Amino acid sequence: MSIIVNPHGQQEEKALLAFLDTMKYEYAQADDAIILSESEQQVILERDRQYEAGEIETYTLDQVINHFGIKE
């Protein structure tokens, strides 16, 4: 599975990397633009629909930062 994330700043990037490290997920960072397949696009659209319908659990950036004790 591939996930593309575009953080809006260093603090968001640090929070995401801390989460991935804590969960022991393997990941790679790349600066290149990646084109998604049609099926990958559909998965993203379905997850967006689930989010908008309140069907999935979400966390604010502040909750993630506090949980992982990230400092600027």
Protein backbone atom coordinates (compact mmCIF):
# COMPACT_ATOMS: atom_id res chain seq x y z
CA MET A 1 0.00 0.00 0.00
CA SER A 2 1.17 3.53 -0.68
CA ILE A 3 0.13 6.68 1.12
CA ILE A 4 0.99 10.14 -0.07
CA VAL A 5 1.03 12.88 2.54
CA ASN A 6 1.72 16.57 2.03
CA PRO A 7 2.31 18.15 5.44
CA HIS A 8 1.74 21.89 5.72
CA GLY A 9 4.84 22.56 7.76
CA GLN A 10 7.71 21.09 9.74
CA GLN A 11 5.59 20.55 12.85
CA GLU A 12 3.06 18.45 10.93
CA GLU A 13 5.88 16.48 9.31
CA LYS A 14 7.49 15.82 12.72
CA ALA A 15 4.14 14.66 14.14
CA LEU A 16 3.59 12.27 11.25
CA LEU A 17 7.11 10.83 11.43
CA ALA A 18 6.83 10.41 15.22
CA PHE A 19 3.58 8.49 14.75
CA LEU A 20 5.08 6.25 12.06
CA ASP A 21 8.17 5.57 14.17
CA THR A 22 6.13 4.82 17.30
CA MET A 23 3.96 2.37 15.40
CA LYS A 24 7.11 0.84 13.86
CA TYR A 25 5.80 1.41 10.33
CA GLU A 26 8.32 1.23 7.52
CA TYR A 27 8.22 4.30 5.30
CA ALA A 28 10.20 6.15 2.67
CA GLN A 29 10.32 9.84 2.01
CA ALA A 30 10.38 11.17 -1.54
CA ASP A 31 10.18 14.63 -3.04
CA ASP A 32 8.96 13.45 -6.44
CA ALA A 33 5.35 13.83 -7.53
CA ILE A 34 3.57 10.49 -7.78
CA ILE A 35 0.60 9.79 -10.03
CA LEU A 36 -2.11 7.68 -8.40
CA SER A 37 -3.86 4.86 -10.22
CA GLU A 38 -7.63 4.95 -10.70
CA SER A 39 -8.14 2.41 -7.89
CA GLU A 40 -5.91 4.42 -5.52
CA GLN A 41 -7.91 7.54 -6.32
CA GLN A 42 -11.16 5.69 -5.56
CA VAL A 43 -9.80 4.53 -2.19
CA ILE A 44 -8.94 8.13 -1.28
CA LEU A 45 -12.36 9.38 -2.37
CA GLU A 46 -14.09 6.68 -0.29
CA ARG A 47 -12.04 7.58 2.79
CA ASP A 48 -12.89 11.24 2.25
CA ARG A 49 -16.57 10.26 2.13
CA GLN A 50 -16.19 8.24 5.36
CA TYR A 51 -14.46 11.19 7.05
CA GLU A 52 -17.14 13.64 5.99
CA ALA A 53 -19.85 11.23 7.18
CA GLY A 54 -18.16 10.90 10.58
CA GLU A 55 -17.59 7.18 10.10
CA ILE A 56 -13.89 7.21 11.01
CA GLU A 57 -12.00 8.41 14.07
CA THR A 58 -9.84 11.48 13.59
CA TYR A 59 -7.38 13.47 15.67
CA THR A 60 -6.45 17.12 15.55
CA LEU A 61 -2.85 18.10 14.93
CA ASP A 62 -2.66 19.38 18.52
CA GLN A 63 -3.79 15.98 19.84
CA VAL A 64 -1.08 14.21 17.84
CA ILE A 65 1.60 16.72 18.89
CA ASN A 66 0.63 16.41 22.56
CA HIS A 67 0.47 12.62 22.40
CA PHE A 68 3.99 12.35 20.99
CA GLY A 69 5.42 15.26 23.03
CA ILE A 70 6.70 17.07 19.94
CA LYS A 71 8.42 20.37 20.60
CA GLU A 72 9.09 23.05 17.99
